[in-house]
């Protein structure tokens, strides 16, 4: 029987799979431009009275992307994509599907930050 934590995606492995599938340059550009852009755009929207909640939502999603960016930088510096996902490589299709279906967490404000913090404390 699987434990609850084993059912939840590993944020680090999610980023490693993204790098494996799309390349380190693409992922670093996506997260490196996307995270600050979301923070700036979200902050700007929060200053407009009628758009405060939308701006707050986008701002908090931007924080999720900064967590992803920090993992991407760490993985790229250590060149550890293969070692991060080595046990999952034999069943690549299954894990790509699993991680793809659980990427909805990126759209939940602060979820990536909370899950990644919990996973790092458990490591």
N, C-alpha and C. Protein backbone atom coordinates (compact mmCIF):
# COMPACT_ATOMS: atom_id res chain seq x y z
N UNK A 1 0.84 -1.18 0.00
CA UNK A 1 0.00 0.00 0.00
C UNK A 1 0.88 1.24 0.00
N UNK A 2 0.57 2.20 -0.87
CA UNK A 2 1.35 3.42 -0.95
C UNK A 2 0.99 4.36 0.18
N UNK A 3 1.99 5.13 0.60
CA UNK A 3 1.71 6.15 1.59
C UNK A 3 1.20 7.39 0.90
N UNK A 4 0.63 8.30 1.67
CA UNK A 4 0.09 9.53 1.11
C UNK A 4 1.18 10.34 0.43
N UNK A 5 2.39 10.41 1.03
CA UNK A 5 3.45 11.22 0.44
C UNK A 5 3.97 10.62 -0.86
N UNK A 6 3.88 9.29 -1.02
CA UNK A 6 4.35 8.69 -2.25
C UNK A 6 3.40 8.97 -3.42
N UNK A 7 2.16 9.28 -3.12
CA UNK A 7 1.20 9.61 -4.18
C UNK A 7 1.37 11.03 -4.68
N UNK A 8 1.90 11.89 -3.83
CA UNK A 8 2.09 13.29 -4.18
C UNK A 8 3.37 13.44 -4.99
N UNK A 9 3.33 14.26 -5.99
CA UNK A 9 4.49 14.45 -6.84
C UNK A 9 5.64 15.07 -6.05
N UNK A 10 6.85 14.72 -6.43
CA UNK A 10 8.03 15.39 -5.91
C UNK A 10 8.26 16.61 -6.79
N UNK A 11 8.30 17.78 -6.18
CA UNK A 11 8.47 19.00 -6.96
C UNK A 11 9.82 18.98 -7.68
N UNK A 12 10.86 18.52 -7.00
CA UNK A 12 12.18 18.44 -7.63
C UNK A 12 12.14 17.51 -8.85
N UNK A 13 11.48 16.37 -8.71
CA UNK A 13 11.39 15.43 -9.83
C UNK A 13 10.51 16.00 -10.96
N UNK A 14 9.50 16.75 -10.59
CA UNK A 14 8.67 17.40 -11.61
C UNK A 14 9.53 18.31 -12.48
N UNK A 15 10.39 19.09 -11.85
CA UNK A 15 11.29 19.97 -12.60
C UNK A 15 12.31 19.15 -13.39
N UNK A 16 12.83 18.09 -12.80
CA UNK A 16 13.79 17.24 -13.51
C UNK A 16 13.16 16.62 -14.76
N UNK A 17 11.91 16.17 -14.65
CA UNK A 17 11.22 15.63 -15.82
C UNK A 17 10.99 16.71 -16.88
N UNK A 18 10.64 17.91 -16.44
CA UNK A 18 10.48 19.02 -17.40
C UNK A 18 11.78 19.27 -18.14
N UNK A 19 12.89 19.26 -17.42
CA UNK A 19 14.20 19.48 -18.05
C UNK A 19 14.52 18.33 -19.00
N UNK A 20 14.23 17.11 -18.58
CA UNK A 20 14.50 15.94 -19.43
C UNK A 20 13.69 16.02 -20.72
N UNK A 21 12.45 16.44 -20.63
CA UNK A 21 11.57 16.45 -21.79
C UNK A 21 11.75 17.68 -22.68
N UNK A 22 12.09 18.84 -22.09
CA UNK A 22 12.12 20.09 -22.85
C UNK A 22 13.49 20.73 -22.96
N UNK A 23 14.43 20.26 -22.17
CA UNK A 23 15.78 20.82 -22.22
C UNK A 23 15.99 21.88 -21.15
N UNK A 24 17.21 21.94 -20.65
CA UNK A 24 17.52 22.84 -19.55
C UNK A 24 17.38 24.31 -19.96
N UNK A 25 17.81 24.65 -21.15
CA UNK A 25 17.73 26.05 -21.59
C UNK A 25 16.28 26.54 -21.63
N UNK A 26 15.40 25.74 -22.23
CA UNK A 26 13.99 26.11 -22.33
C UNK A 26 13.37 26.31 -20.96
N UNK A 27 13.62 25.38 -20.05
CA UNK A 27 13.02 25.44 -18.71
C UNK A 27 13.56 26.63 -17.93
N UNK A 28 14.87 26.88 -18.01
CA UNK A 28 15.43 28.04 -17.31
C UNK A 28 14.86 29.34 -17.86
N UNK A 29 14.67 29.42 -19.16
CA UNK A 29 14.06 30.62 -19.74
C UNK A 29 12.60 30.73 -19.32
N UNK A 30 11.85 29.62 -19.40
CA UNK A 30 10.44 29.64 -19.02
C UNK A 30 10.26 30.10 -17.57
N UNK A 31 10.97 29.48 -16.65
CA UNK A 31 10.81 29.83 -15.24
C UNK A 31 11.50 31.16 -14.92
N UNK A 32 12.64 31.41 -15.56
CA UNK A 32 13.39 32.64 -15.30
C UNK A 32 12.68 33.89 -15.76
N UNK A 33 11.94 33.80 -16.84
CA UNK A 33 11.14 34.95 -17.30
C UNK A 33 9.73 34.93 -16.71
N UNK A 34 9.17 33.73 -16.58
CA UNK A 34 7.80 33.62 -16.11
C UNK A 34 7.59 34.03 -14.67
N UNK A 35 8.50 33.63 -13.80
CA UNK A 35 8.33 33.94 -12.37
C UNK A 35 8.33 35.45 -12.11
N UNK A 36 9.35 36.19 -12.54
CA UNK A 36 9.30 37.63 -12.26
C UNK A 36 8.18 38.34 -13.02
N UNK A 37 7.86 37.87 -14.22
CA UNK A 37 6.78 38.49 -14.98
C UNK A 37 5.45 38.35 -14.25
N UNK A 38 5.20 37.17 -13.67
CA UNK A 38 3.95 36.97 -12.94
C UNK A 38 3.91 37.82 -11.67
N UNK A 39 5.05 37.93 -10.99
CA UNK A 39 5.07 38.76 -9.79
C UNK A 39 4.81 40.22 -10.12
N UNK A 40 5.47 40.71 -11.15
CA UNK A 40 5.31 42.11 -11.54
C UNK A 40 3.89 42.38 -12.04
N UNK A 41 3.40 41.51 -12.92
CA UNK A 41 2.05 41.68 -13.46
C UNK A 41 1.00 41.56 -12.36
N UNK A 42 1.18 40.58 -11.46
CA UNK A 42 0.24 40.41 -10.36
C UNK A 42 0.24 41.62 -9.43
N UNK A 43 1.42 42.12 -9.12
CA UNK A 43 1.51 43.31 -8.27
C UNK A 43 0.85 44.51 -8.94
N UNK A 44 1.10 44.66 -10.22
CA UNK A 44 0.48 45.76 -10.97
C UNK A 44 -1.05 45.65 -10.93
N UNK A 45 -1.56 44.44 -11.15
CA UNK A 45 -3.02 44.26 -11.11
C UNK A 45 -3.58 44.53 -9.72
N UNK A 46 -2.81 44.20 -8.67
CA UNK A 46 -3.30 44.46 -7.31
C UNK A 46 -3.45 45.95 -7.03
N UNK A 47 -2.69 46.77 -7.73
CA UNK A 47 -2.79 48.21 -7.51
C UNK A 47 -4.03 48.82 -8.18
N UNK A 48 -4.64 48.06 -9.07
CA UNK A 48 -5.88 48.49 -9.71
C UNK A 48 -7.02 47.91 -8.88
N UNK A 49 -7.84 48.74 -8.30
CA UNK A 49 -8.84 48.30 -7.33
C UNK A 49 -9.70 47.14 -7.79
N UNK A 50 -10.21 47.18 -8.98
CA UNK A 50 -11.13 46.13 -9.42
C UNK A 50 -10.43 44.82 -9.78
N UNK A 51 -9.11 44.84 -9.80
CA UNK A 51 -8.37 43.63 -10.18
C UNK A 51 -7.53 43.07 -9.04
N UNK A 52 -7.80 43.45 -7.81
CA UNK A 52 -6.95 43.04 -6.69
C UNK A 52 -6.87 41.52 -6.55
N UNK A 53 -8.00 40.84 -6.57
CA UNK A 53 -7.99 39.38 -6.37
C UNK A 53 -7.30 38.65 -7.51
N UNK A 54 -7.53 39.09 -8.72
CA UNK A 54 -6.84 38.47 -9.87
C UNK A 54 -5.34 38.71 -9.76
N UNK A 55 -4.96 39.93 -9.40
CA UNK A 55 -3.55 40.25 -9.22
C UNK A 55 -2.91 39.44 -8.12
N UNK A 56 -3.60 39.28 -7.01
CA UNK A 56 -3.08 38.48 -5.90
C UNK A 56 -2.89 37.03 -6.33
N UNK A 57 -3.87 36.50 -7.04
CA UNK A 57 -3.77 35.13 -7.54
C UNK A 57 -2.53 34.97 -8.43
N UNK A 58 -2.34 35.85 -9.39
CA UNK A 58 -1.20 35.76 -10.30
C UNK A 58 0.11 35.93 -9.53
N UNK A 59 0.14 36.84 -8.58
CA UNK A 59 1.33 37.06 -7.75
C UNK A 59 1.70 35.78 -6.99
N UNK A 60 0.72 35.13 -6.39
CA UNK A 60 0.99 33.90 -5.63
C UNK A 60 1.41 32.74 -6.53
N UNK A 61 0.87 32.68 -7.74
CA UNK A 61 1.31 31.67 -8.71
C UNK A 61 2.77 31.95 -9.09
N UNK A 62 3.13 33.23 -9.18
CA UNK A 62 4.52 33.60 -9.46
C UNK A 62 5.47 33.08 -8.41
N UNK A 63 5.02 33.05 -7.16
CA UNK A 63 5.85 32.47 -6.09
C UNK A 63 6.07 30.98 -6.35
N UNK A 64 5.03 30.28 -6.79
CA UNK A 64 5.20 28.86 -7.17
C UNK A 64 6.31 28.72 -8.22
N UNK A 65 6.30 29.61 -9.20
CA UNK A 65 7.28 29.52 -10.27
C UNK A 65 8.70 29.84 -9.80
N UNK A 66 8.85 30.67 -8.77
CA UNK A 66 10.18 30.90 -8.21
C UNK A 66 10.72 29.64 -7.55
N UNK A 67 9.86 28.85 -6.92
CA UNK A 67 10.29 27.58 -6.35
C UNK A 67 10.77 26.66 -7.46
N UNK A 68 10.01 26.59 -8.55
CA UNK A 68 10.40 25.77 -9.69
C UNK A 68 11.72 26.26 -10.28
N UNK A 69 11.88 27.57 -10.37
CA UNK A 69 13.13 28.13 -10.88
C UNK A 69 14.31 27.75 -10.00
N UNK A 70 14.14 27.79 -8.70
CA UNK A 70 15.25 27.44 -7.81
C UNK A 70 15.65 25.98 -7.99
N UNK A 71 14.69 25.09 -8.17
CA UNK A 71 15.02 23.69 -8.44
C UNK A 71 15.70 23.54 -9.80
N UNK A 72 15.21 24.25 -10.79
CA UNK A 72 15.80 24.15 -12.13
C UNK A 72 17.26 24.61 -12.12
N UNK A 73 17.54 25.70 -11.42
CA UNK A 73 18.91 26.19 -11.32
C UNK A 73 19.79 25.17 -10.59
N UNK A 74 19.28 24.63 -9.50
CA UNK A 74 20.03 23.62 -8.74
C UNK A 74 20.33 22.38 -9.59
N UNK A 75 19.33 21.89 -10.29
CA UNK A 75 19.51 20.70 -11.14
C UNK A 75 20.48 21.00 -12.28
N UNK A 76 20.36 22.18 -12.88
CA UNK A 76 21.25 22.55 -13.99
C UNK A 76 22.69 22.68 -13.51
N UNK A 77 22.90 23.31 -12.36
CA UNK A 77 24.26 23.48 -11.83
C UNK A 77 24.92 22.16 -11.51
N UNK A 78 24.15 21.25 -10.92
CA UNK A 78 24.68 19.94 -10.55
C UNK A 78 24.65 18.95 -11.70
N UNK A 79 23.99 19.35 -12.80
CA UNK A 79 23.80 18.45 -13.94
C UNK A 79 23.24 17.11 -13.45
N UNK A 80 22.18 17.19 -12.66
CA UNK A 80 21.68 16.00 -11.96
C UNK A 80 20.33 15.49 -12.47
N UNK A 81 19.96 15.84 -13.68
CA UNK A 81 18.66 15.39 -14.20
C UNK A 81 18.56 13.88 -14.13
N UNK A 82 19.54 13.19 -14.68
CA UNK A 82 19.50 11.73 -14.73
C UNK A 82 19.46 11.12 -13.33
N UNK A 83 20.30 11.63 -12.42
CA UNK A 83 20.34 11.05 -11.08
C UNK A 83 19.07 11.34 -10.29
N UNK A 84 18.39 12.45 -10.58
CA UNK A 84 17.16 12.78 -9.86
C UNK A 84 16.01 11.86 -10.26
N UNK A 85 16.02 11.36 -11.48
CA UNK A 85 14.90 10.55 -11.95
C UNK A 85 15.32 9.13 -12.35
N UNK A 86 16.52 8.71 -11.93
CA UNK A 86 17.07 7.43 -12.37
C UNK A 86 16.15 6.25 -12.07
N UNK A 87 15.52 6.23 -10.89
CA UNK A 87 14.66 5.09 -10.55
C UNK A 87 13.35 5.11 -11.33
N UNK A 88 13.00 6.23 -11.93
CA UNK A 88 11.76 6.33 -12.69
C UNK A 88 11.96 6.12 -14.19
N UNK A 89 13.20 6.13 -14.64
CA UNK A 89 13.46 6.02 -16.08
C UNK A 89 12.93 4.74 -16.73
N UNK A 90 13.02 3.57 -16.07
CA UNK A 90 12.48 2.36 -16.73
C UNK A 90 10.99 2.44 -17.03
N UNK A 91 10.25 3.20 -16.24
CA UNK A 91 8.80 3.36 -16.44
C UNK A 91 8.49 4.80 -16.84
N UNK A 92 9.24 5.32 -17.78
CA UNK A 92 9.15 6.73 -18.16
C UNK A 92 7.73 7.15 -18.54
N UNK A 93 7.04 6.39 -19.35
CA UNK A 93 5.69 6.78 -19.77
C UNK A 93 4.75 6.93 -18.59
N UNK A 94 4.82 6.01 -17.66
CA UNK A 94 3.96 6.06 -16.48
C UNK A 94 4.24 7.32 -15.66
N UNK A 95 5.50 7.63 -15.43
CA UNK A 95 5.84 8.78 -14.60
C UNK A 95 5.58 10.10 -15.31
N UNK A 96 5.81 10.15 -16.60
CA UNK A 96 5.51 11.38 -17.35
C UNK A 96 4.01 11.66 -17.27
N UNK A 97 3.20 10.63 -17.41
CA UNK A 97 1.75 10.78 -17.31
C UNK A 97 1.35 11.20 -15.89
N UNK A 98 1.97 10.58 -14.91
CA UNK A 98 1.66 10.90 -13.50
C UNK A 98 2.01 12.35 -13.18
N UNK A 99 3.20 12.77 -13.56
CA UNK A 99 3.62 14.13 -13.26
C UNK A 99 2.82 15.14 -14.09
N UNK A 100 2.49 14.76 -15.30
CA UNK A 100 1.68 15.65 -16.14
C UNK A 100 0.30 15.87 -15.57
N UNK A 101 -0.30 14.82 -15.04
CA UNK A 101 -1.65 14.94 -14.50
C UNK A 101 -1.68 15.70 -13.18
N UNK A 102 -0.57 15.75 -12.47
CA UNK A 102 -0.55 16.44 -11.17
C UNK A 102 0.02 17.85 -11.26
N UNK A 103 0.27 18.34 -12.45
CA UNK A 103 0.79 19.69 -12.59
C UNK A 103 -0.24 20.77 -12.27
N UNK A 104 -1.48 20.37 -12.02
CA UNK A 104 -2.48 21.35 -11.62
C UNK A 104 -2.06 22.07 -10.35
N UNK A 105 -1.18 21.46 -9.57
CA UNK A 105 -0.69 22.12 -8.35
C UNK A 105 -0.06 23.47 -8.65
N UNK A 106 0.47 23.63 -9.86
CA UNK A 106 1.09 24.91 -10.23
C UNK A 106 0.07 26.04 -10.21
N UNK A 107 -1.19 25.71 -10.38
CA UNK A 107 -2.24 26.73 -10.43
C UNK A 107 -2.89 26.99 -9.07
N UNK A 108 -2.45 26.28 -8.06
CA UNK A 108 -2.96 26.49 -6.71
C UNK A 108 -1.99 27.41 -5.98
N UNK A 109 -2.43 28.60 -5.60
CA UNK A 109 -1.52 29.55 -4.97
C UNK A 109 -0.77 28.96 -3.79
N UNK A 110 0.54 29.10 -3.83
CA UNK A 110 1.47 28.68 -2.78
C UNK A 110 1.56 27.17 -2.58
N UNK A 111 0.85 26.38 -3.35
CA UNK A 111 0.88 24.92 -3.16
C UNK A 111 2.27 24.36 -3.42
N UNK A 112 2.93 24.83 -4.45
CA UNK A 112 4.26 24.33 -4.77
C UNK A 112 5.24 24.68 -3.66
N UNK A 113 5.13 25.89 -3.14
CA UNK A 113 5.99 26.31 -2.03
C UNK A 113 5.76 25.43 -0.80
N UNK A 114 4.52 25.17 -0.46
CA UNK A 114 4.20 24.37 0.72
C UNK A 114 4.66 22.92 0.53
N UNK A 115 4.34 22.33 -0.61
CA UNK A 115 4.71 20.93 -0.87
C UNK A 115 6.23 20.78 -0.92
N UNK A 116 6.90 21.69 -1.62
CA UNK A 116 8.37 21.61 -1.73
C UNK A 116 9.02 21.79 -0.36
N UNK A 117 8.52 22.70 0.45
CA UNK A 117 9.07 22.91 1.79
C UNK A 117 8.90 21.65 2.63
N UNK A 118 7.73 21.06 2.57
CA UNK A 118 7.48 19.82 3.32
C UNK A 118 8.42 18.71 2.84
N UNK A 119 8.57 18.58 1.53
CA UNK A 119 9.42 17.52 0.99
C UNK A 119 10.89 17.73 1.36
N UNK A 120 11.34 18.98 1.36
CA UNK A 120 12.72 19.26 1.73
C UNK A 120 12.97 19.00 3.21
N UNK A 121 11.98 19.29 4.04
CA UNK A 121 12.13 19.01 5.48
C UNK A 121 12.17 17.52 5.75
N UNK A 122 11.44 16.74 4.95
CA UNK A 122 11.42 15.28 5.10
C UNK A 122 12.71 14.62 4.59
N UNK A 123 13.44 15.33 3.70
CA UNK A 123 14.66 14.75 3.11
C UNK A 123 15.78 14.67 4.09
